[in-house]
Amino acid sequence: MAYVITDNCVKDELCVEVCPTDCIHPKKDEPEFEAATQLYIDPEGCIDCGACVPACTSDSLFAAEDLPEDKREFLEKNATYFGK
């Protein structure tokens, strides 16, 4: 997985708008959006382009290798959301 979203996510979808591979979900028009506490990146869809990072206003996006130790659990949480 190239990039990971953590619990600081405010679900403003700015990252969704710039993602060239449509790998960030759930979106506002998806039934899971309201119940989700954050957005997630599909580890198989992410192409490691980094376009999402500068778009994020909540500092919740990290390259997997740069995840702070206290946020390491979000590697698995992002993958699990997509059933991986």
Protein backbone atom coordinates (compact mmCIF):
# COMPACT_ATOMS: atom_id res chain seq x y z
CA MET A 1 0.00 0.00 0.00
CA ALA A 2 1.46 3.31 -1.00
CA TYR A 3 -0.67 5.75 1.01
CA VAL A 4 -2.78 5.36 4.14
CA ILE A 5 -5.57 7.48 5.64
CA THR A 6 -5.68 7.77 9.43
CA ASP A 7 -8.26 8.77 12.01
CA ASN A 8 -7.64 12.51 11.56
CA CYS A 9 -9.72 12.28 8.37
CA VAL A 10 -12.60 14.76 8.17
CA LYS A 11 -14.23 13.15 5.10
CA ASP A 12 -14.20 16.39 3.07
CA GLU A 13 -13.44 14.36 -0.10
CA LEU A 14 -10.73 16.73 -1.33
CA CYS A 15 -8.43 13.72 -1.70
CA VAL A 16 -11.14 11.87 -3.64
CA GLU A 17 -11.35 14.70 -6.15
CA VAL A 18 -7.64 14.51 -7.05
CA CYS A 19 -7.16 10.72 -7.00
CA PRO A 20 -6.50 9.53 -10.57
CA THR A 21 -7.39 5.90 -9.81
CA ASP A 22 -10.60 6.38 -7.81
CA CYS A 23 -9.22 4.31 -4.93
CA ILE A 24 -10.49 6.41 -2.00
CA HIS A 25 -13.84 5.43 -0.51
CA PRO A 26 -16.54 5.65 0.70
CA LYS A 27 -17.77 8.67 -1.22
CA LYS A 28 -20.72 10.82 -0.20
CA ASP A 29 -22.95 9.08 -2.74
CA GLU A 30 -22.17 5.61 -1.34
CA PRO A 31 -24.38 4.10 1.38
CA GLU A 32 -21.42 3.44 3.69
CA PHE A 33 -20.38 7.11 3.82
CA GLU A 34 -22.50 8.24 6.77
CA ALA A 35 -21.48 5.33 9.00
CA ALA A 36 -17.78 5.51 8.13
CA THR A 37 -15.59 7.36 10.60
CA GLN A 38 -13.04 8.16 7.90
CA LEU A 39 -12.17 7.57 4.25
CA TYR A 40 -9.94 4.67 3.19
CA ILE A 41 -7.43 4.00 0.40
CA ASP A 42 -7.63 0.74 -1.53
CA PRO A 43 -4.10 -0.71 -1.30
CA GLU A 44 -4.42 -2.38 -4.70
CA GLY A 45 -5.75 0.71 -6.47
CA CYS A 46 -3.23 3.23 -5.12
CA ILE A 47 -0.46 3.95 -7.62
CA ASP A 48 1.73 5.89 -5.18
CA CYS A 49 1.30 9.17 -7.05
CA GLY A 50 0.91 11.28 -3.90
CA ALA A 51 -1.74 13.59 -5.38
CA CYS A 52 -3.92 13.09 -2.30
CA VAL A 53 -1.38 14.35 0.23
CA PRO A 54 -1.36 18.08 -0.61
CA ALA A 55 -5.16 18.01 -1.04
CA CYS A 56 -5.71 16.74 2.52
CA THR A 57 -6.67 19.50 4.95
CA SER A 58 -6.57 17.30 8.06
CA ASP A 59 -3.04 15.89 7.81
CA SER A 60 -4.46 12.37 7.80
CA LEU A 61 -2.61 10.99 4.76
CA PHE A 62 0.77 9.32 4.99
CA ALA A 63 3.00 7.21 2.81
CA ALA A 64 2.93 3.76 4.42
CA GLU A 65 6.61 3.91 5.27
CA ASP A 66 6.16 7.32 6.95
CA LEU A 67 3.26 6.36 9.22
CA PRO A 68 3.90 7.41 12.81
CA GLU A 69 4.19 4.41 15.14
CA ASP A 70 0.92 5.29 16.88
CA LYS A 71 -0.90 5.20 13.50
CA ARG A 72 0.48 1.87 12.22
CA GLU A 73 -2.89 0.17 12.80
CA PHE A 74 -4.33 2.15 9.89
CA LEU A 75 -2.34 0.11 7.36
CA GLU A 76 -4.58 -2.82 8.21
CA LYS A 77 -7.73 -0.73 8.66
CA ASN A 78 -7.47 0.69 5.15
CA ALA A 79 -6.88 -2.76 3.63
CA THR A 80 -9.64 -4.36 5.71
CA TYR A 81 -12.20 -1.82 4.51
CA PHE A 82 -11.67 -3.17 0.98
CA GLY A 83 -11.71 -6.81 2.11
CA LYS A 84 -7.99 -7.33 1.69
